Amino acid sequence: MTAWLDVIGMGEDGWNGLSPAARARLHAAELIVTGPRLADHLPDLPAEKRLWPSPFRDLAEELVGWRGRRVAVLVTGDPLWYSAGALFLRHFAPEEVAYYPHLSAFQLAAARMKWSLADTETLTIHGRPAEQAIPFLAPGVRLLLLTRDGTSPKEVAALLAARGMGASRLTVLANMGGASETRIEGTAADWSATAPDLHVLAVDCLGDPGAAILPRTGLPDDAFEHDGQLTKRELRVLTLAALAPRRGQLLWDIGTGCGSVAIEWMRADRDMRAIGVESSRERLALAAANATCLGAPRLDLRDGRAPDALDGLPQPDAIFIGGGLSDQVATRALDALPPHGRLVANAVTLESEALLGRLHSAHGGTLIRVSVSRAEPVGRLRGFKPLMPVTQWSLTK
């Protein structure tokens, strides 16, 4: 099949910055779909012209009726790097689509900053909560952020300052490659400027003296707001290791409590997803607050009790049962897992421990018992105080 849909990246340098091949495709197009700003850069062409729909994701369905005719969609920069290109691959076969990339905003920003792009984190907070950048904020890290609008630098600066990184250097790189290219610099602690809406934010993360910087995973217990029902740090580390997070995968966290395991799962890698199921509304509120504060604002929290609350959920890649363990919940979880899916269940009561023993006997996997003691004051001295022992069953399907 010959490609009929051309997705063409354009920069601030407009028509003159397009490759000869991209210009030829625009000349040959019967329909050109573009945004208002990019449309201003086009010469007089014979094609019918339409503006992007709102929301943009509706465009793919609109183009179905044009299948087989010559269609060009103009987007900014590189269509396959935090842009619209992936949308069309979800709706059309790869051989139906051709891509003509321009330099991406990240490439231009890295060149302006003289940073190695391979050693720089590239993220987007365009149309997404700025808090999802939080796991990446650490001294020594360099970030390039696609932003929402001119207020985004102030929002990111506040996140940095609140986490002991007010010394971090921020650089706004606006309208790169065009006649109105602009650069604004400052630190997170004293940032007050409003940037042009079209910009990339470069962040050179620096820690303030004495700042307590959180790790990506293995968060201390006091990082979470909770009511005492919390998977403690030592066991949380073992639980995450058994769940084996992999980029873009989905976790069901059954009996999520304050959300600690789901939040660490989402912090572990990019594009991680988690659904937390909890029957206590008070704990759901704690989980929501923790998710926002700790950089997992897209944690999907569901009010309900397993197994009924699991009906209709998208298929998970991993499941953690931290509360509400029963034969019915375990059976439902095992049935939901795909091949290579991981299941982890923790128990602290004798009854739940006995159930894990039966499940291990029936299905295999690994059964361990974890006992942790922490040094605490005993008068003027110190002694080890044990936490409740936890039995953990895990398996890979």
Protein backbone atom coordinates (compact mmCIF):
# COMPACT_ATOMS: atom_id res chain seq x y z
CA MET A 1 0.00 0.00 0.00
CA THR A 2 1.29 3.47 -0.89
CA ALA A 3 1.27 6.07 1.88
CA TRP A 4 -1.58 8.54 1.40
CA LEU A 5 -1.20 10.46 4.67
CA ASP A 6 1.86 12.71 5.03
CA VAL A 7 2.64 14.06 8.48
CA ILE A 8 5.01 16.98 8.06
CA GLY A 9 6.91 18.81 10.77
CA MET A 10 7.45 22.57 10.46
CA GLY A 11 9.47 24.97 12.57
CA GLU A 12 9.53 28.69 13.20
CA ASP A 13 11.51 29.06 9.98
CA GLY A 14 8.33 28.11 8.11
CA TRP A 15 8.24 27.10 4.46
CA ASN A 16 11.92 27.84 3.91
CA GLY A 17 12.88 25.32 6.58
CA LEU A 18 11.08 22.40 4.93
CA SER A 19 12.95 19.79 2.94
CA PRO A 20 12.32 19.60 -0.82
CA ALA A 21 10.48 16.29 -0.28
CA ALA A 22 8.14 17.85 2.31
CA ARG A 23 7.40 20.81 0.03
CA ALA A 24 6.64 18.43 -2.83
CA ARG A 25 4.14 16.52 -0.68
CA LEU A 26 2.37 19.75 0.26
CA HIS A 27 2.19 20.80 -3.40
CA ALA A 28 0.70 17.39 -4.28
CA ALA A 29 -1.81 17.28 -1.40
CA GLU A 30 -5.56 17.44 -1.98
CA LEU A 31 -6.17 18.33 1.70
CA ILE A 32 -3.86 20.12 4.16
CA VAL A 33 -4.78 20.11 7.85
CA THR A 34 -2.86 22.58 10.01
CA GLY A 35 -3.00 24.88 13.00
CA PRO A 36 -3.52 28.65 12.60
CA ARG A 37 0.10 29.53 13.39
CA LEU A 38 1.55 27.05 10.89
CA ALA A 39 -1.01 28.04 8.25
CA ASP A 40 0.46 31.54 8.23
CA HIS A 41 3.75 30.08 6.94
CA LEU A 42 2.22 28.38 3.89
CA PRO A 43 2.33 29.85 0.37
CA ASP A 44 -0.69 29.69 -1.91
CA LEU A 45 -1.23 25.97 -2.56
CA PRO A 46 -4.00 24.23 -4.54
CA ALA A 47 -5.11 21.92 -1.72
CA GLU A 48 -8.23 22.36 0.40
CA LYS A 49 -7.19 23.63 3.83
CA ARG A 50 -8.69 22.83 7.21
CA LEU A 51 -7.70 23.71 10.76
CA TRP A 52 -7.02 21.07 13.40
CA PRO A 53 -10.20 19.98 15.22
CA SER A 54 -10.58 20.40 18.95
CA PRO A 55 -9.77 18.05 20.54
CA PHE A 56 -6.96 17.17 18.16
CA ARG A 57 -7.44 13.42 18.71
CA ASP A 58 -10.66 13.61 16.65
CA LEU A 59 -8.60 14.30 13.53
CA ALA A 60 -7.74 10.67 12.85
CA GLU A 61 -11.40 9.69 12.68
CA GLU A 62 -12.16 12.67 10.42
CA LEU A 63 -9.45 11.54 8.00
CA VAL A 64 -10.88 8.04 7.58
CA GLY A 65 -13.17 9.39 4.85
CA TRP A 66 -10.11 10.68 2.98
CA ARG A 67 -8.31 7.33 2.99
CA GLY A 68 -6.57 6.76 -0.33
CA ARG A 69 -6.49 10.45 -1.30
CA ARG A 70 -3.50 12.74 -0.83
CA VAL A 71 -3.64 14.28 2.66
CA ALA A 72 -0.98 16.29 4.52
CA VAL A 73 -1.08 17.16 8.22
CA LEU A 74 1.24 19.93 9.40
CA VAL A 75 2.54 19.75 12.98
CA THR A 76 5.36 21.42 14.89
CA GLY A 77 8.86 19.94 14.88
CA ASP A 78 9.31 16.18 14.88
CA PRO A 79 5.90 14.45 14.52
CA LEU A 80 7.07 11.37 16.42
CA TRP A 81 8.59 13.08 19.46
CA TYR A 82 5.87 14.25 21.87
CA SER A 83 3.80 15.33 18.90
CA ALA A 84 0.83 14.15 16.87
CA GLY A 85 2.54 11.44 14.83
CA ALA A 86 1.76 8.57 17.20
CA LEU A 87 -1.97 9.37 16.97
CA PHE A 88 -2.13 8.24 13.34
CA LEU A 89 -0.25 5.02 14.00
CA ARG A 90 -3.02 4.06 16.41
CA HIS A 91 -5.63 4.43 13.65
CA PHE A 92 -3.88 3.59 10.38
CA ALA A 93 -1.48 0.91 9.21
CA PRO A 94 2.18 2.04 9.22
CA GLU A 95 2.40 1.73 5.41
CA GLU A 96 -0.43 4.30 5.06
CA VAL A 97 1.53 7.07 6.77
CA ALA A 98 4.77 8.86 5.83
CA TYR A 99 6.67 11.23 8.12
CA TYR A 100 8.75 14.27 7.24
CA PRO A 101 10.33 15.53 10.47
CA HIS A 102 11.73 18.96 11.20
CA LEU A 103 14.25 19.54 13.95
CA SER A 104 12.47 18.90 17.25
CA ALA A 105 12.14 21.53 19.95
CA PHE A 106 14.37 19.32 22.13
CA GLN A 107 17.15 19.29 19.52
CA LEU A 108 16.98 23.05 19.12
CA ALA A 109 16.92 23.60 22.90
CA ALA A 110 19.86 21.26 23.51
CA ALA A 111 21.86 23.16 20.88
CA ARG A 112 20.99 26.51 22.47
CA MET A 113 21.94 25.25 25.95
CA LYS A 114 25.01 23.36 24.65
CA TRP A 115 23.79 20.24 26.47
CA SER A 116 24.26 16.68 25.27
CA LEU A 117 20.75 15.57 24.39
CA ALA A 118 21.64 11.95 25.20
CA ASP A 119 22.41 13.02 28.78
CA THR A 120 19.31 15.18 29.24
CA GLU A 121 15.83 14.15 30.38
CA THR A 122 13.14 15.18 27.88
CA LEU A 123 9.58 15.47 29.17
CA THR A 124 6.28 17.11 28.32
CA ILE A 125 3.87 18.87 30.65
CA HIS A 126 1.81 20.14 27.73
CA GLY A 127 -1.74 19.03 28.46
CA ARG A 128 -0.48 17.09 31.50
CA PRO A 129 -0.04 17.97 35.18
CA ALA A 130 3.27 19.67 35.88
CA GLU A 131 3.63 17.45 38.99
CA GLN A 132 4.50 14.47 36.82
CA ALA A 133 7.95 16.02 36.39
CA ILE A 134 8.58 15.69 40.16
CA PRO A 135 10.26 12.23 40.05
CA PHE A 136 12.87 13.65 37.67
CA LEU A 137 13.78 16.61 39.89
CA ALA A 138 17.13 15.80 41.50
CA PRO A 139 20.50 17.56 41.80
CA GLY A 140 22.67 17.02 38.75
CA VAL A 141 19.74 16.29 36.43
CA ARG A 142 19.16 18.41 33.34
CA LEU A 143 15.63 18.62 31.98
CA LEU A 144 14.05 19.92 28.80
CA LEU A 145 10.31 20.40 29.21
CA LEU A 146 7.65 21.01 26.59
CA THR A 147 5.34 23.34 28.47
CA ARG A 148 1.66 24.25 28.54
CA ASP A 149 1.87 28.05 28.32
CA GLY A 150 3.68 31.11 29.65
CA THR A 151 2.84 30.30 33.28
CA SER A 152 4.56 26.89 33.23
CA PRO A 153 8.05 28.10 34.28
CA LYS A 154 6.61 29.67 37.42
CA GLU A 155 4.78 26.43 38.21
CA VAL A 156 7.92 24.34 37.74
CA ALA A 157 9.97 26.83 39.76
CA ALA A 158 7.55 26.42 42.68
CA LEU A 159 7.85 22.62 42.51
CA LEU A 160 11.64 22.89 42.61
CA ALA A 161 11.74 25.40 45.46
CA ALA A 162 9.33 23.31 47.55
CA ARG A 163 11.67 20.32 47.22
CA GLY A 164 14.87 22.04 48.28
CA MET A 165 16.10 22.92 44.79
CA GLY A 166 15.47 26.65 44.66
CA ALA A 167 19.00 27.19 43.35
CA SER A 168 18.13 25.39 40.12
CA ARG A 169 18.68 27.40 36.95
CA LEU A 170 15.74 27.87 34.58
CA THR A 171 16.01 29.00 30.97
CA VAL A 172 13.02 29.77 28.75
CA LEU A 173 13.76 29.20 25.05
CA ALA A 174 10.90 30.69 23.06
CA ASN A 175 10.10 30.71 19.33
CA MET A 176 13.38 28.98 18.50
CA GLY A 177 14.50 29.36 14.92
CA GLY A 178 12.20 32.31 14.23
CA ALA A 179 12.64 36.06 14.04
CA SER A 180 11.18 36.52 17.54
CA GLU A 181 13.39 33.96 19.32
CA THR A 182 13.62 34.86 23.02
CA ARG A 183 15.69 33.65 25.98
CA ILE A 184 14.80 34.30 29.64
CA GLU A 185 16.99 33.07 32.52
CA GLY A 186 16.65 32.92 36.29
CA THR A 187 16.59 30.63 39.33
CA ALA A 188 13.66 28.68 40.72
CA ALA A 189 13.78 30.54 44.04
CA ASP A 190 13.33 34.00 42.51
CA TRP A 191 11.48 33.23 39.27
CA SER A 192 8.80 35.84 38.47
CA ALA A 193 8.83 36.18 34.66
CA THR A 194 5.93 35.22 32.42
CA ALA A 195 7.23 33.46 29.34
CA PRO A 196 5.87 33.47 25.78
CA ASP A 197 3.39 30.64 25.39
CA LEU A 198 5.46 28.80 22.77
CA HIS A 199 8.66 27.75 24.50
CA VAL A 200 10.80 24.94 25.89
CA LEU A 201 11.91 25.16 29.52
CA ALA A 202 15.46 24.06 30.29
CA VAL A 203 16.08 23.14 33.95
CA ASP A 204 19.52 22.60 35.45
CA CYS A 205 18.63 21.02 38.82
CA LEU A 206 20.73 22.13 41.79
CA GLY A 207 20.13 21.22 45.44
CA ASP A 208 20.05 23.77 48.22
CA PRO A 209 22.42 23.16 51.18
CA GLY A 210 20.89 20.66 53.59
CA ALA A 211 17.97 19.79 51.32
CA ALA A 212 16.47 16.31 51.73
CA ILE A 213 16.15 14.95 48.19
CA LEU A 214 13.80 12.03 47.68
CA PRO A 215 14.90 9.00 45.62
CA ARG A 216 12.85 7.76 42.67
CA THR A 217 11.85 4.62 44.62
CA GLY A 218 12.40 3.51 48.19
CA LEU A 219 10.73 6.63 49.58
CA PRO A 220 10.88 7.10 53.36
CA ASP A 221 7.66 6.39 55.21
CA ASP A 222 7.31 10.01 56.29
CA ALA A 223 7.07 11.09 52.64
CA PHE A 224 3.48 9.80 52.72
CA GLU A 225 0.45 11.09 54.54
CA HIS A 226 -1.19 8.01 56.07
CA ASP A 227 -3.37 6.73 58.90
CA GLY A 228 -0.97 4.03 60.01
CA GLN A 229 -1.95 1.59 57.24
CA LEU A 230 1.20 1.85 55.14
CA THR A 231 3.43 -0.66 53.37
CA LYS A 232 6.67 0.16 55.18
CA ARG A 233 9.72 1.20 53.23
CA GLU A 234 11.70 -2.02 53.58
CA LEU A 235 8.79 -4.19 52.48
CA ARG A 236 7.81 -1.67 49.78
CA VAL A 237 11.24 -2.06 48.19
CA LEU A 238 10.83 -5.86 48.12
CA THR A 239 7.30 -5.51 46.79
CA LEU A 240 8.37 -3.22 43.92
CA ALA A 241 11.22 -5.57 43.07
CA ALA A 242 8.77 -8.47 42.76
CA LEU A 243 6.31 -6.36 40.74
CA ALA A 244 9.18 -5.55 38.33
CA PRO A 245 8.01 -2.19 36.88
CA ARG A 246 8.58 -1.77 33.14
CA ARG A 247 8.00 1.40 31.17
CA GLY A 248 4.40 2.15 30.26
CA GLN A 249 2.90 -0.82 32.12
CA LEU A 250 -0.28 -0.87 34.20
CA LEU A 251 -0.57 -1.89 37.86
CA TRP A 252 -3.69 -2.79 39.77
CA ASP A 253 -3.11 -1.83 43.41
CA ILE A 254 -5.90 -3.60 45.31
CA GLY A 255 -6.47 -2.11 48.76
CA THR A 256 -4.25 0.82 47.85
CA GLY A 257 -4.54 2.56 51.24
CA CYS A 258 -2.50 5.76 51.06
CA GLY A 259 -1.22 4.77 47.63
CA SER A 260 2.42 4.12 48.52
CA VAL A 261 3.02 1.10 46.25
CA ALA A 262 1.10 2.54 43.28
CA ILE A 263 2.94 5.85 43.61
CA GLU A 264 6.37 4.21 43.72
CA TRP A 265 5.38 2.06 40.72
CA MET A 266 4.56 5.24 38.77
CA ARG A 267 7.79 6.94 39.86
CA ALA A 268 9.88 3.96 38.76
CA ASP A 269 9.84 4.74 35.02
CA ARG A 270 8.25 6.89 32.33
CA ASP A 271 4.60 6.62 31.36
CA MET A 272 3.79 4.20 34.16
CA ARG A 273 0.09 3.71 34.92
CA ALA A 274 -1.66 2.50 38.03
CA ILE A 275 -5.23 1.98 39.23
CA GLY A 276 -5.70 2.07 42.97
CA VAL A 277 -8.81 0.35 44.36
CA GLU A 278 -9.84 1.30 47.91
CA SER A 279 -13.10 1.08 49.84
CA SER A 280 -12.21 3.80 52.38
CA ARG A 281 -12.88 7.31 51.11
CA GLU A 282 -10.60 8.75 53.78
CA ARG A 283 -7.72 6.66 52.46
CA LEU A 284 -8.59 7.55 48.88
CA ALA A 285 -8.21 11.21 49.85
CA LEU A 286 -4.80 10.48 51.37
CA ALA A 287 -3.75 8.58 48.24
CA ALA A 288 -4.85 11.45 45.98
CA ALA A 289 -2.89 13.99 48.03
CA ASN A 290 0.20 11.77 48.09
CA ALA A 291 0.00 11.14 44.35
CA THR A 292 0.01 14.86 43.57
CA CYS A 293 2.78 15.72 46.02
CA LEU A 294 5.06 12.84 45.04
CA GLY A 295 4.80 13.10 41.27
CA ALA A 296 2.11 10.59 40.30
CA PRO A 297 -0.83 12.94 39.61
CA ARG A 298 -2.32 10.57 37.04
CA LEU A 299 -2.88 7.76 39.55
CA ASP A 300 -6.38 6.47 38.77
CA LEU A 301 -8.18 5.97 42.09
CA ARG A 302 -11.37 3.88 42.26
CA ASP A 303 -13.80 3.81 45.18
CA GLY A 304 -14.84 0.20 45.67
CA ARG A 305 -14.11 -3.21 47.13
CA ALA A 306 -12.49 -6.10 45.26
CA PRO A 307 -13.35 -8.33 43.54
CA ASP A 308 -16.44 -6.45 42.28
CA ALA A 309 -14.51 -3.19 41.82
CA LEU A 310 -12.18 -4.95 39.37
CA ASP A 311 -14.90 -5.52 36.79
CA GLY A 312 -14.32 -3.55 33.60
CA LEU A 313 -10.78 -2.42 34.42
CA PRO A 314 -8.21 -2.55 31.61
CA GLN A 315 -5.95 -5.60 31.69
CA PRO A 316 -3.02 -5.10 34.07
CA ASP A 317 0.60 -6.04 33.62
CA ALA A 318 1.06 -6.46 37.36
CA ILE A 319 -1.19 -6.70 40.42
CA PHE A 320 -0.48 -5.93 44.05
CA ILE A 321 -2.88 -7.10 46.74
CA GLY A 322 -2.11 -5.06 49.83
CA GLY A 323 -5.55 -5.22 51.43
CA GLY A 324 -8.78 -7.17 51.14
CA LEU A 325 -7.05 -10.47 50.34
CA SER A 326 -9.45 -13.39 49.83
CA ASP A 327 -9.77 -16.50 47.67
CA GLN A 328 -12.13 -14.59 45.36
CA VAL A 329 -9.79 -11.62 44.99
CA ALA A 330 -6.76 -13.86 44.34
CA THR A 331 -8.67 -15.91 41.75
CA ARG A 332 -9.89 -12.76 40.00
CA ALA A 333 -6.36 -11.34 39.97
CA LEU A 334 -4.83 -14.51 38.55
CA ASP A 335 -7.46 -14.65 35.82
CA ALA A 336 -6.82 -11.01 34.88
CA LEU A 337 -3.07 -11.34 34.41
CA PRO A 338 -1.67 -11.88 30.90
CA PRO A 339 1.32 -14.13 30.24
CA HIS A 340 4.42 -12.71 31.96
CA GLY A 341 2.18 -10.70 34.33
CA ARG A 342 3.30 -10.42 37.95
CA LEU A 343 1.23 -10.86 41.11
CA VAL A 344 2.34 -9.90 44.61
CA ALA A 345 0.26 -10.28 47.77
CA ASN A 346 1.27 -9.29 51.29
CA ALA A 347 -0.28 -10.60 54.51
CA VAL A 348 0.14 -9.72 58.18
CA THR A 349 -2.69 -11.73 59.80
CA LEU A 350 -2.60 -15.47 60.51
CA GLU A 351 -5.69 -15.98 58.37
CA SER A 352 -4.21 -14.17 55.37
CA GLU A 353 -0.90 -15.93 55.85
CA ALA A 354 -2.66 -19.31 55.76
CA LEU A 355 -4.39 -18.29 52.52
CA LEU A 356 -1.07 -17.35 50.94
CA GLY A 357 0.27 -20.76 51.93
CA ARG A 358 -2.61 -22.46 50.10
CA LEU A 359 -2.18 -20.23 47.04
CA HIS A 360 1.54 -20.99 46.94
CA SER A 361 0.82 -24.71 47.17
CA ALA A 362 -1.75 -24.51 44.35
CA HIS A 363 -0.02 -22.10 41.95
CA GLY A 364 3.67 -22.04 42.84
CA GLY A 365 5.67 -18.83 42.86
CA THR A 366 7.73 -17.57 45.78
CA LEU A 367 6.67 -17.40 49.42
CA ILE A 368 8.80 -15.45 51.87
CA ARG A 369 8.43 -14.05 55.37
CA VAL A 370 10.00 -10.70 56.13
CA SER A 371 10.81 -9.44 59.59
CA VAL A 372 12.29 -5.96 60.01
CA SER A 373 13.53 -4.27 63.18
CA ARG A 374 14.42 -0.61 63.43
CA ALA A 375 16.75 0.98 65.96
CA GLU A 376 14.82 3.31 68.29
CA PRO A 377 15.57 5.08 71.58
CA VAL A 378 15.30 3.05 74.78
CA GLY A 379 15.69 5.70 77.44
CA ARG A 380 19.13 7.19 76.90
CA LEU A 381 20.23 4.22 74.81
CA ARG A 382 18.95 2.45 71.70
CA GLY A 383 17.40 -0.89 70.88
CA PHE A 384 15.79 -2.69 67.98
CA LYS A 385 12.00 -2.52 67.79
CA PRO A 386 10.46 -5.11 65.46
CA LEU A 387 7.75 -4.28 62.96
CA MET A 388 4.99 -6.81 62.36
CA PRO A 389 6.35 -9.66 60.22
CA VAL A 390 4.90 -9.81 56.72
CA THR A 391 4.38 -12.86 54.51
CA GLN A 392 4.69 -12.21 50.79
CA TRP A 393 3.60 -14.42 47.92
CA SER A 394 4.70 -13.53 44.40
CA LEU A 395 4.57 -15.21 41.03
CA THR A 396 5.01 -14.54 37.32
CA LYS A 397 2.28 -16.04 35.19
